[in-house]
Amino acid sequence: MIFKVYYQESIKEVPVREKTKTVYVDGDSPKDVRTKLADKHYNIELVVPVEGDYLEYEKRNEDFKVLEI
């Protein structure tokens, strides 16, 4: 399943909407995705499953790329 992860670049950063970035990760669960990203030291705000119409919508975005870990 594909998950959309909202995060800050540094674990020390306070979440600010204007600085929030996103990445798409293939994983089994939100916990699995967090485990896969643990070595990157991101301040993860939210992990959301992307499927169905939502996934099709996201795929139309030119920046859509699933991170392979």
PDB file of N, CA and C in Angstrom:
ATOM      1  N   MET A   1       0.842  -1.174   0.000  1.00  0.00           N
ATOM      2  CA  MET A   1       0.000   0.000   0.000  1.00  0.00           C
ATOM      3  C   MET A   1       0.889   1.240   0.000  1.00  0.00           C
ATOM      4  N   ILE A   2       0.423   2.280  -0.635  1.00  0.00           N
ATOM      5  CA  ILE A   2       1.154   3.548  -0.700  1.00  0.00           C
ATOM      6  C   ILE A   2       0.657   4.456   0.428  1.00  0.00           C
ATOM      7  N   PHE A   3       1.602   5.100   1.115  1.00  0.00           N
ATOM      8  CA  PHE A   3       1.277   6.044   2.178  1.00  0.00           C
ATOM      9  C   PHE A   3       1.886   7.399   1.848  1.00  0.00           C
ATOM     10  N   LYS A   4       1.156   8.467   2.156  1.00  0.00           N
ATOM     11  CA  LYS A   4       1.663   9.821   2.016  1.00  0.00           C
ATOM     12  C   LYS A   4       2.114  10.271   3.394  1.00  0.00           C
ATOM     13  N   VAL A   5       3.369  10.700   3.477  1.00  0.00           N
ATOM     14  CA  VAL A   5       3.949  11.085   4.760  1.00  0.00           C
ATOM     15  C   VAL A   5       4.186  12.588   4.764  1.00  0.00           C
ATOM     16  N   TYR A   6       3.639  13.258   5.762  1.00  0.00           N
ATOM     17  CA  TYR A   6       3.857  14.688   5.961  1.00  0.00           C
ATOM     18  C   TYR A   6       4.944  14.815   7.025  1.00  0.00           C
ATOM     19  N   TYR A   7       5.984  15.607   6.725  1.00  0.00           N
ATOM     20  CA  TYR A   7       7.115  15.668   7.652  1.00  0.00           C
ATOM     21  C   TYR A   7       7.847  17.005   7.583  1.00  0.00           C
ATOM     22  N   GLN A   8       8.698  17.234   8.591  1.00  0.00           N
ATOM     23  CA  GLN A   8       9.647  18.338   8.616  1.00  0.00           C
ATOM     24  C   GLN A   8      11.027  17.725   8.369  1.00  0.00           C
ATOM     25  N   GLU A   9      11.926  18.468   7.764  1.00  0.00           N
ATOM     26  CA  GLU A   9      13.260  17.960   7.429  1.00  0.00           C
ATOM     27  C   GLU A   9      14.050  17.482   8.648  1.00  0.00           C
ATOM     28  N   SER A  10      13.911  18.172   9.760  1.00  0.00           N
ATOM     29  CA  SER A  10      14.691  17.833  10.947  1.00  0.00           C
ATOM     30  C   SER A  10      13.771  17.455  12.096  1.00  0.00           C
ATOM     31  N   ILE A  11      14.200  16.470  12.858  1.00  0.00           N
ATOM     32  CA  ILE A  11      13.411  16.046  14.009  1.00  0.00           C
ATOM     33  C   ILE A  11      13.339  17.151  15.067  1.00  0.00           C
ATOM     34  N   LYS A  12      14.254  18.108  14.982  1.00  0.00           N
ATOM     35  CA  LYS A  12      14.294  19.210  15.951  1.00  0.00           C
ATOM     36  C   LYS A  12      13.393  20.371  15.551  1.00  0.00           C
ATOM     37  N   GLU A  13      12.853  20.341  14.320  1.00  0.00           N
ATOM     38  CA  GLU A  13      11.983  21.422  13.859  1.00  0.00           C
ATOM     39  C   GLU A  13      10.585  21.303  14.432  1.00  0.00           C
ATOM     40  N   VAL A  14      10.025  22.439  14.753  1.00  0.00           N
ATOM     41  CA  VAL A  14       8.632  22.499  15.175  1.00  0.00           C
ATOM     42  C   VAL A  14       7.781  22.473  13.905  1.00  0.00           C
ATOM     43  N   PRO A  15       6.714  21.671  13.876  1.00  0.00           N
ATOM     44  CA  PRO A  15       5.877  21.626  12.672  1.00  0.00           C
ATOM     45  C   PRO A  15       5.268  22.987  12.329  1.00  0.00           C
ATOM     46  N   VAL A  16       5.548  23.444  11.126  1.00  0.00           N
ATOM     47  CA  VAL A  16       4.999  24.686  10.595  1.00  0.00           C
ATOM     48  C   VAL A  16       4.448  24.354   9.215  1.00  0.00           C
ATOM     49  N   ARG A  17       3.200  24.672   8.974  1.00  0.00           N
ATOM     50  CA  ARG A  17       2.530  24.274   7.740  1.00  0.00           C
ATOM     51  C   ARG A  17       3.309  24.652   6.490  1.00  0.00           C
ATOM     52  N   GLU A  18       3.875  25.835   6.466  1.00  0.00           N
ATOM     53  CA  GLU A  18       4.589  26.305   5.278  1.00  0.00           C
ATOM     54  C   GLU A  18       5.878  25.530   5.011  1.00  0.00           C
ATOM     55  N   LYS A  19       6.414  24.862   6.015  1.00  0.00           N
ATOM     56  CA  LYS A  19       7.658  24.109   5.854  1.00  0.00           C
ATOM     57  C   LYS A  19       7.425  22.602   5.753  1.00  0.00           C
ATOM     58  N   THR A  20       6.173  22.166   5.830  1.00  0.00           N
ATOM     59  CA  THR A  20       5.863  20.748   5.763  1.00  0.00           C
ATOM     60  C   THR A  20       6.102  20.214   4.361  1.00  0.00           C
ATOM     61  N   LYS A  21       6.783  19.076   4.283  1.00  0.00           N
ATOM     62  CA  LYS A  21       7.055  18.414   3.015  1.00  0.00           C
ATOM     63  C   LYS A  21       6.320  17.080   2.995  1.00  0.00           C
ATOM     64  N   THR A  22       6.222  16.489   1.805  1.00  0.00           N
ATOM     65  CA  THR A  22       5.565  15.190   1.694  1.00  0.00           C
ATOM     66  C   THR A  22       6.430  14.228   0.899  1.00  0.00           C
ATOM     67  N   VAL A  23       6.250  12.957   1.199  1.00  0.00           N
ATOM     68  CA  VAL A  23       6.914  11.887   0.462  1.00  0.00           C
ATOM     69  C   VAL A  23       5.955  10.703   0.440  1.00  0.00           C
ATOM     70  N   TYR A  24       6.006   9.924  -0.629  1.00  0.00           N
ATOM     71  CA  TYR A  24       5.168   8.737  -0.758  1.00  0.00           C
ATOM     72  C   TYR A  24       6.042   7.520  -0.509  1.00  0.00           C
ATOM     73  N   VAL A  25       5.545   6.608   0.347  1.00  0.00           N
ATOM     74  CA  VAL A  25       6.311   5.425   0.720  1.00  0.00           C
ATOM     75  C   VAL A  25       5.421   4.192   0.595  1.00  0.00           C
ATOM     76  N   ASP A  26       5.988   3.128   0.049  1.00  0.00           N
ATOM     77  CA  ASP A  26       5.285   1.855  -0.034  1.00  0.00           C
ATOM     78  C   ASP A  26       5.546   1.093   1.256  1.00  0.00           C
ATOM     79  N   GLY A  27       4.470   0.657   1.930  1.00  0.00           N
ATOM     80  CA  GLY A  27       4.622  -0.072   3.179  1.00  0.00           C
ATOM     81  C   GLY A  27       3.396  -0.875   3.518  1.00  0.00           C
ATOM     82  N   ASP A  28       3.512  -1.668   4.592  1.00  0.00           N
ATOM     83  CA  ASP A  28       2.402  -2.514   5.030  1.00  0.00           C
ATOM     84  C   ASP A  28       1.449  -1.790   5.966  1.00  0.00           C
ATOM     85  N   SER A  29       1.969  -0.826   6.732  1.00  0.00           N
ATOM     86  CA  SER A  29       1.172  -0.103   7.725  1.00  0.00           C
ATOM     87  C   SER A  29       1.858   1.222   8.034  1.00  0.00           C
ATOM     88  N   PRO A  30       1.149   2.139   8.700  1.00  0.00           N
ATOM     89  CA  PRO A  30       1.805   3.390   9.102  1.00  0.00           C
ATOM     90  C   PRO A  30       3.040   3.136   9.981  1.00  0.00           C
ATOM     91  N   LYS A  31       2.961   2.145  10.840  1.00  0.00           N
ATOM     92  CA  LYS A  31       4.100   1.817  11.707  1.00  0.00           C
ATOM     93  C   LYS A  31       5.288   1.349  10.863  1.00  0.00           C
ATOM     94  N   ASP A  32       5.026   0.533   9.853  1.00  0.00           N
ATOM     95  CA  ASP A  32       6.076   0.060   8.951  1.00  0.00           C
ATOM     96  C   ASP A  32       6.735   1.232   8.232  1.00  0.00           C
ATOM     97  N   VAL A  33       5.948   2.188   7.785  1.00  0.00           N
ATOM     98  CA  VAL A  33       6.471   3.367   7.092  1.00  0.00           C
ATOM     99  C   VAL A  33       7.345   4.183   8.031  1.00  0.00           C
ATOM    100  N   ARG A  34       6.889   4.398   9.256  1.00  0.00           N
ATOM    101  CA  ARG A  34       7.689   5.144  10.236  1.00  0.00           C
ATOM    102  C   ARG A  34       9.010   4.439  10.511  1.00  0.00           C
ATOM    103  N   THR A  35       8.981   3.113  10.583  1.00  0.00           N
ATOM    104  CA  THR A  35      10.198   2.338  10.802  1.00  0.00           C
ATOM    105  C   THR A  35      11.163   2.508   9.623  1.00  0.00           C
ATOM    106  N   LYS A  36      10.635   2.467   8.407  1.00  0.00           N
ATOM    107  CA  LYS A  36      11.469   2.628   7.221  1.00  0.00           C
ATOM    108  C   LYS A  36      12.126   3.995   7.153  1.00  0.00           C
ATOM    109  N   LEU A  37      11.443   5.028   7.676  1.00  0.00           N
ATOM    110  CA  LEU A  37      11.966   6.396   7.613  1.00  0.00           C
ATOM    111  C   LEU A  37      12.762   6.795   8.854  1.00  0.00           C
ATOM    112  N   ALA A  38      12.890   5.915   9.824  1.00  0.00           N
ATOM    113  CA  ALA A  38      13.550   6.237  11.101  1.00  0.00           C
ATOM    114  C   ALA A  38      14.983   6.742  10.920  1.00  0.00           C
ATOM    115  N   ASP A  39      15.725   6.177   9.993  1.00  0.00           N
ATOM    116  CA  ASP A  39      17.125   6.579   9.809  1.00  0.00           C
ATOM    117  C   ASP A  39      17.284   7.949   9.157  1.00  0.00           C
ATOM    118  N   LYS A  40      16.215   8.506   8.614  1.00  0.00           N
ATOM    119  CA  LYS A  40      16.275   9.821   7.975  1.00  0.00           C
ATOM    120  C   LYS A  40      16.107  10.967   8.974  1.00  0.00           C
ATOM    121  N   HIS A  41      15.702  10.659  10.188  1.00  0.00           N
ATOM    122  CA  HIS A  41      15.535  11.645  11.272  1.00  0.00           C
ATOM    123  C   HIS A  41      14.550  12.764  10.911  1.00  0.00           C
ATOM    124  N   TYR A  42      13.477  12.385  10.230  1.00  0.00           N
ATOM    125  CA  TYR A  42      12.408  13.325   9.914  1.00  0.00           C
ATOM    126  C   TYR A  42      11.513  13.503  11.136  1.00  0.00           C
ATOM    127  N   ASN A  43      10.905  14.667  11.239  1.00  0.00           N
ATOM    128  CA  ASN A  43       9.865  14.901  12.229  1.00  0.00           C
ATOM    129  C   ASN A  43       8.547  14.588  11.519  1.00  0.00           C
ATOM    130  N   ILE A  44       8.088  13.351  11.625  1.00  0.00           N
ATOM    131  CA  ILE A  44       6.895  12.902  10.913  1.00  0.00           C
ATOM    132  C   ILE A  44       5.649  13.391  11.637  1.00  0.00           C
ATOM    133  N   GLU A  45       4.826  14.125  10.904  1.00  0.00           N
ATOM    134  CA  GLU A  45       3.581  14.647  11.456  1.00  0.00           C
ATOM    135  C   GLU A  45       2.432  13.669  11.285  1.00  0.00           C
ATOM    136  N   LEU A  46       2.327  13.102  10.071  1.00  0.00           N
ATOM    137  CA  LEU A  46       1.157  12.305   9.742  1.00  0.00           C
ATOM    138  C   LEU A  46       1.496  11.307   8.643  1.00  0.00           C
ATOM    139  N   VAL A  47       0.945  10.103   8.756  1.00  0.00           N
ATOM    140  CA  VAL A  47       1.097   9.071   7.731  1.00  0.00           C
ATOM    141  C   VAL A  47      -0.312   8.666   7.302  1.00  0.00           C
ATOM    142  N   VAL A  48      -0.636   8.893   6.017  1.00  0.00           N
ATOM    143  CA  VAL A  48      -1.988   8.680   5.511  1.00  0.00           C
ATOM    144  C   VAL A  48      -1.965   7.663   4.370  1.00  0.00           C
ATOM    145  N   PRO A  49      -2.820   6.632   4.439  1.00  0.00           N
ATOM    146  CA  PRO A  49      -2.889   5.698   3.305  1.00  0.00           C
ATOM    147  C   PRO A  49      -3.485   6.386   2.082  1.00  0.00           C
ATOM    148  N   VAL A  50      -2.936   6.067   0.905  1.00  0.00           N
ATOM    149  CA  VAL A  50      -3.409   6.653  -0.351  1.00  0.00           C
ATOM    150  C   VAL A  50      -3.874   5.503  -1.233  1.00  0.00           C
ATOM    151  N   GLU A  51      -5.180   5.474  -1.539  1.00  0.00           N
ATOM    152  CA  GLU A  51      -5.724   4.398  -2.364  1.00  0.00           C
ATOM    153  C   GLU A  51      -6.939   4.893  -3.129  1.00  0.00           C
ATOM    154  N   GLY A  52      -7.354   4.124  -4.099  1.00  0.00           N
ATOM    155  CA  GLY A  52      -8.555   4.439  -4.876  1.00  0.00           C
ATOM    156  C   GLY A  52      -8.436   5.738  -5.652  1.00  0.00           C
ATOM    157  N   ASP A  53      -9.500   6.537  -5.611  1.00  0.00           N
ATOM    158  CA  ASP A  53      -9.544   7.801  -6.339  1.00  0.00           C
ATOM    159  C   ASP A  53      -8.476   8.774  -5.851  1.00  0.00           C
ATOM    160  N   TYR A  54      -8.198   8.734  -4.543  1.00  0.00           N
ATOM    161  CA  TYR A  54      -7.176   9.610  -3.961  1.00  0.00           C
ATOM    162  C   TYR A  54      -5.804   9.291  -4.576  1.00  0.00           C
ATOM    163  N   LEU A  55      -5.479   8.009  -4.742  1.00  0.00           N
ATOM    164  CA  LEU A  55      -4.220   7.601  -5.354  1.00  0.00           C
ATOM    165  C   LEU A  55      -4.162   8.051  -6.811  1.00  0.00           C
ATOM    166  N   GLU A  56      -5.241   7.885  -7.540  1.00  0.00           N
ATOM    167  CA  GLU A  56      -5.280   8.319  -8.944  1.00  0.00           C
ATOM    168  C   GLU A  56      -5.067   9.823  -9.054  1.00  0.00           C
ATOM    169  N   TYR A  57      -5.657  10.573  -8.138  1.00  0.00           N
ATOM    170  CA  TYR A  57      -5.486  12.026  -8.113  1.00  0.00           C
ATOM    171  C   TYR A  57      -4.018  12.380  -7.852  1.00  0.00           C
ATOM    172  N   GLU A  58      -3.419  11.738  -6.866  1.00  0.00           N
ATOM    173  CA  GLU A  58      -2.029  12.025  -6.521  1.00  0.00           C
ATOM    174  C   GLU A  58      -1.081  11.651  -7.656  1.00  0.00           C
ATOM    175  N   LYS A  59      -1.378  10.579  -8.390  1.00  0.00           N
ATOM    176  CA  LYS A  59      -0.523  10.149  -9.504  1.00  0.00           C
ATOM    177  C   LYS A  59      -0.473  11.190 -10.616  1.00  0.00           C
ATOM    178  N   ARG A  60      -1.493  12.031 -10.729  1.00  0.00           N
ATOM    179  CA  ARG A  60      -1.523  13.074 -11.757  1.00  0.00           C
ATOM    180  C   ARG A  60      -0.566  14.214 -11.447  1.00  0.00           C
ATOM    181  N   ASN A  61      -0.110  14.307 -10.200  1.00  0.00           N
ATOM    182  CA  ASN A  61       0.828  15.339  -9.790  1.00  0.00           C
ATOM    183  C   ASN A  61       2.205  15.010 -10.370  1.00  0.00           C
ATOM    184  N   GLU A  62       2.852  15.965 -10.987  1.00  0.00           N
ATOM    185  CA  GLU A  62       4.153  15.717 -11.605  1.00  0.00           C
ATOM    186  C   GLU A  62       5.232  15.342 -10.586  1.00  0.00           C
ATOM    187  N   ASP A  63       5.039  15.677  -9.325  1.00  0.00           N
ATOM    188  CA  ASP A  63       6.007  15.365  -8.278  1.00  0.00           C
ATOM    189  C   ASP A  63       5.759  14.008  -7.622  1.00  0.00           C
ATOM    190  N   PHE A  64       4.770  13.264  -8.105  1.00  0.00           N
ATOM    191  CA  PHE A  64       4.448  11.964  -7.499  1.00  0.00           C
ATOM    192  C   PHE A  64       5.569  10.972  -7.797  1.00  0.00           C
ATOM    193  N   LYS A  65       6.180  10.489  -6.727  1.00  0.00           N
ATOM    194  CA  LYS A  65       7.235   9.481  -6.840  1.00  0.00           C
ATOM    195  C   LYS A  65       7.228   8.694  -5.539  1.00  0.00           C
ATOM    196  N   VAL A  66       7.148   7.379  -5.649  1.00  0.00           N
ATOM    197  CA  VAL A  66       7.133   6.527  -4.466  1.00  0.00           C
ATOM    198  C   VAL A  66       8.572   6.238  -4.060  1.00  0.00           C
ATOM    199  N   LEU A  67       8.891   6.539  -2.817  1.00  0.00           N
ATOM    200  CA  LEU A  67      10.228   6.308  -2.283  1.00  0.00           C
ATOM    201  C   LEU A  67      10.420   4.820  -2.030  1.00  0.00           C
ATOM    202  N   GLU A  68      11.444   4.251  -2.624  1.00  0.00           N
ATOM    203  CA  GLU A  68      11.745   2.824  -2.451  1.00  0.00           C
ATOM    204  C   GLU A  68      12.764   2.667  -1.338  1.00  0.00           C
ATOM    205  N   ILE A  69      12.370   1.992  -0.271  1.00  0.00           N
ATOM    206  CA  ILE A  69      13.266   1.775   0.874  1.00  0.00           C
ATOM    207  C   ILE A  69      13.373   0.298   1.124  1.00  0.00           C
TER     208      ILE A  69
END
